[in-house]
Amino acid sequence: MNSIDSIFINFPELETERFILRQVTAKDSKDLYELYSDPLAVKYQQSETMSDMEQAKKTVIAFLKGYSNKNFIRWCISDKLTDKVVGLISLHSFDIFNFKSEIGYMLNSKYLNQNIMTECAIKVLDFAFNIIKLTKVEASINPDNKRSIHLVVKLGFKEELLIKGISFNFKTALFEDRVIFALQKDQYHL
């Protein structure tokens, strides 16, 4: 069994100073609805905002299934004091032959400008490089998403390329561009 397979045996809970990065549970449906119905939080996502709680409940099931099928690890960013889920962060698109994956994240807009995603991304990158033993983590970002670009640059990612028309957006029914940023293990120094 390689190190990537081993992370899909028991969900890897992580802890930062202010947050627990944990697996989603049914009780998180309300917080997920708040997140996915927030127009600013989903602005660069490729789907519509949620319109009812039933969609949030289905999202919980999809997250659990995605993990059990070894497709991704999607952590809820849960406040240590309140257990409120303020955002999500994930590793996905695992390439077991080249020991790399992609990172993704979204944050409830009520919690912007508090360095939450920086704090959580550092913990996820430590996990990716030191536990899973990945050699590269990539981020595929809409070129207009300045907040996301700022975050990955702050974390040490380097821009690798712009891919035109690579990502279909279900909201707009258009193909969008993506800028690919990458961080190599030997360049990670946070």
Protein backbone atom coordinates (compact mmCIF):
# COMPACT_ATOMS: atom_id res chain seq x y z
CA MET A 1 0.00 0.00 0.00
CA ASN A 2 1.42 3.42 -0.91
CA SER A 3 1.15 6.48 1.33
CA ILE A 4 -1.75 7.92 -0.68
CA ASP A 5 -3.84 4.76 -0.21
CA SER A 6 -3.15 4.79 3.53
CA ILE A 7 -4.87 8.16 4.02
CA PHE A 8 -8.17 6.65 2.89
CA ILE A 9 -8.32 4.10 5.72
CA ASN A 10 -9.24 6.52 8.51
CA PHE A 11 -10.16 10.13 7.79
CA PRO A 12 -7.12 12.25 8.73
CA GLU A 13 -8.22 14.88 11.23
CA LEU A 14 -5.86 17.86 11.49
CA GLU A 15 -5.62 20.63 14.05
CA THR A 16 -4.45 24.24 13.85
CA GLU A 17 -4.33 26.88 16.54
CA ARG A 18 -7.97 27.90 16.00
CA PHE A 19 -9.54 25.10 13.94
CA ILE A 20 -10.14 21.38 13.65
CA LEU A 21 -9.99 20.12 10.07
CA ARG A 22 -12.36 17.19 10.16
CA GLN A 23 -14.69 15.01 8.14
CA VAL A 24 -18.16 16.29 7.40
CA THR A 25 -21.11 14.99 9.43
CA ALA A 26 -24.88 15.31 9.00
CA LYS A 27 -24.97 18.06 11.64
CA ASP A 28 -22.89 20.25 9.30
CA SER A 29 -25.72 20.59 6.77
CA LYS A 30 -26.79 24.00 8.10
CA ASP A 31 -23.26 25.40 7.94
CA LEU A 32 -22.73 23.95 4.45
CA TYR A 33 -25.98 25.53 3.31
CA GLU A 34 -24.79 28.87 4.69
CA LEU A 35 -21.47 28.45 2.86
CA TYR A 36 -22.87 27.31 -0.48
CA SER A 37 -25.70 29.87 -0.48
CA ASP A 38 -23.19 32.70 0.05
CA PRO A 39 -22.76 34.38 -3.38
CA LEU A 40 -19.28 35.67 -2.53
CA ALA A 41 -18.08 32.25 -1.29
CA VAL A 42 -19.25 30.47 -4.44
CA LYS A 43 -18.39 33.23 -6.90
CA TYR A 44 -15.59 31.19 -8.49
CA GLN A 45 -17.16 27.78 -7.95
CA GLN A 46 -18.61 26.13 -11.01
CA SER A 47 -22.13 25.66 -9.69
CA GLU A 48 -25.09 27.74 -8.60
CA THR A 49 -25.64 28.86 -5.02
CA MET A 50 -27.71 26.46 -2.95
CA SER A 51 -31.39 27.25 -2.68
CA ASP A 52 -32.53 24.76 -0.02
CA MET A 53 -31.31 22.56 2.84
CA GLU A 54 -31.92 19.38 0.86
CA GLN A 55 -28.98 20.32 -1.39
CA ALA A 56 -26.77 20.70 1.69
CA LYS A 57 -27.79 17.27 2.95
CA LYS A 58 -26.91 15.77 -0.43
CA THR A 59 -23.55 17.56 -0.29
CA VAL A 60 -22.75 15.85 3.02
CA ILE A 61 -23.42 12.49 1.37
CA ALA A 62 -21.32 13.44 -1.67
CA PHE A 63 -18.38 14.46 0.54
CA LEU A 64 -18.52 11.19 2.47
CA LYS A 65 -18.80 9.18 -0.73
CA GLY A 66 -15.93 11.09 -2.36
CA TYR A 67 -13.68 10.15 0.54
CA SER A 68 -14.77 6.50 0.66
CA ASN A 69 -14.18 6.25 -3.10
CA LYS A 70 -10.66 7.69 -2.62
CA ASN A 71 -11.45 10.69 -4.86
CA PHE A 72 -10.59 13.45 -2.40
CA ILE A 73 -10.12 14.49 1.19
CA ARG A 74 -12.44 17.41 1.90
CA TRP A 75 -11.97 18.82 5.38
CA CYS A 76 -14.54 20.94 7.15
CA ILE A 77 -12.82 23.90 8.76
CA SER A 78 -14.48 23.75 12.17
CA ASP A 79 -14.01 26.46 14.80
CA LYS A 80 -12.50 24.86 17.92
CA LEU A 81 -14.72 26.85 20.28
CA THR A 82 -18.09 26.56 18.52
CA ASP A 83 -17.67 23.62 16.07
CA LYS A 84 -19.15 25.90 13.37
CA VAL A 85 -17.94 25.03 9.87
CA VAL A 86 -16.60 28.27 8.39
CA GLY A 87 -15.15 26.80 5.21
CA LEU A 88 -13.73 23.81 3.39
CA ILE A 89 -10.28 22.78 2.24
CA SER A 90 -9.38 19.74 0.18
CA LEU A 91 -6.76 17.68 -1.53
CA HIS A 92 -8.06 16.13 -4.74
CA SER A 93 -7.02 14.93 -8.19
CA PHE A 94 -4.41 12.62 -6.71
CA ASP A 95 -1.78 11.40 -9.16
CA ILE A 96 -0.29 8.35 -7.44
CA PHE A 97 2.36 7.82 -10.12
CA ASN A 98 3.78 11.33 -9.84
CA PHE A 99 3.01 11.87 -6.14
CA LYS A 100 1.02 15.05 -6.61
CA SER A 101 -2.46 16.43 -6.01
CA GLU A 102 -4.42 19.66 -6.17
CA ILE A 103 -5.55 21.83 -3.29
CA GLY A 104 -8.92 23.57 -3.20
CA TYR A 105 -10.72 25.70 -0.63
CA MET A 106 -13.64 28.00 0.02
CA LEU A 107 -14.55 30.22 2.95
CA ASN A 108 -17.79 31.69 4.24
CA SER A 109 -17.48 35.40 3.39
CA LYS A 110 -18.34 36.34 6.99
CA TYR A 111 -14.88 35.06 7.93
CA LEU A 112 -12.73 36.78 5.30
CA ASN A 113 -9.55 38.67 6.25
CA GLN A 114 -8.81 36.60 9.36
CA ASN A 115 -5.96 34.48 7.90
CA ILE A 116 -8.13 31.38 8.31
CA MET A 117 -7.28 29.85 4.96
CA THR A 118 -3.56 30.55 5.37
CA GLU A 119 -3.56 28.82 8.77
CA CYS A 120 -5.47 25.81 7.42
CA ALA A 121 -3.58 25.56 4.12
CA ILE A 122 -0.25 25.43 5.95
CA LYS A 123 -1.51 22.43 7.95
CA VAL A 124 -2.84 20.69 4.81
CA LEU A 125 0.43 21.31 2.94
CA ASP A 126 2.40 19.90 5.88
CA PHE A 127 0.17 16.83 5.72
CA ALA A 128 0.55 16.56 1.94
CA PHE A 129 4.33 16.81 1.92
CA ASN A 130 5.30 15.16 5.22
CA ILE A 131 2.62 12.49 5.78
CA ILE A 132 1.44 11.54 2.29
CA LYS A 133 4.91 12.29 0.89
CA LEU A 134 3.64 14.18 -2.15
CA THR A 135 6.29 15.93 -4.22
CA LYS A 136 4.00 18.58 -5.71
CA VAL A 137 0.70 20.31 -4.91
CA GLU A 138 -1.08 22.31 -7.59
CA ALA A 139 -3.87 24.90 -7.51
CA SER A 140 -6.09 25.53 -10.53
CA ILE A 141 -7.50 29.05 -10.17
CA ASN A 142 -9.79 31.30 -12.19
CA PRO A 143 -7.56 34.20 -13.32
CA ASP A 144 -10.08 36.69 -11.91
CA ASN A 145 -9.95 35.16 -8.41
CA LYS A 146 -7.42 37.58 -6.92
CA ARG A 147 -7.97 36.41 -3.31
CA SER A 148 -7.11 32.82 -4.19
CA ILE A 149 -4.09 33.83 -6.24
CA HIS A 150 -2.87 36.00 -3.35
CA LEU A 151 -3.20 33.04 -0.96
CA VAL A 152 -1.20 30.56 -3.04
CA VAL A 153 1.53 33.11 -3.79
CA LYS A 154 1.75 33.87 -0.06
CA LEU A 155 2.17 30.11 0.55
CA GLY A 156 5.04 29.93 -1.95
CA PHE A 157 3.28 28.55 -5.02
CA LYS A 158 4.67 29.58 -8.40
CA GLU A 159 2.62 30.25 -11.51
CA GLU A 160 3.25 27.53 -14.08
CA LEU A 161 0.84 28.14 -16.93
CA LEU A 162 -2.44 29.54 -18.15
CA ILE A 163 -4.81 27.07 -19.77
CA LYS A 164 -7.46 28.68 -21.96
CA GLY A 165 -11.04 27.38 -21.93
CA ILE A 166 -10.28 24.31 -19.77
CA SER A 167 -13.01 24.45 -17.12
CA PHE A 168 -16.76 24.31 -17.80
CA ASN A 169 -18.87 26.54 -15.57
CA PHE A 170 -22.40 25.21 -15.07
CA LYS A 171 -23.62 28.64 -13.89
CA THR A 172 -22.62 30.43 -17.08
CA ALA A 173 -22.47 27.47 -19.50
CA LEU A 174 -19.08 28.77 -20.64
CA PHE A 175 -15.59 27.31 -20.65
CA GLU A 176 -13.27 29.32 -18.43
CA ASP A 177 -9.52 29.78 -18.25
CA ARG A 178 -7.45 28.51 -15.34
CA VAL A 179 -4.05 29.57 -14.05
CA ILE A 180 -2.07 26.62 -12.67
CA PHE A 181 0.09 27.33 -9.66
CA ALA A 182 2.35 24.71 -8.11
CA LEU A 183 4.41 24.17 -5.01
CA GLN A 184 7.20 21.60 -4.99
CA LYS A 185 8.06 19.87 -1.72
CA ASP A 186 11.62 21.17 -1.83
CA GLN A 187 10.29 24.76 -2.20
CA TYR A 188 7.93 24.52 0.77
CA HIS A 189 9.35 26.39 3.75
CA LEU A 190 6.41 27.55 5.91
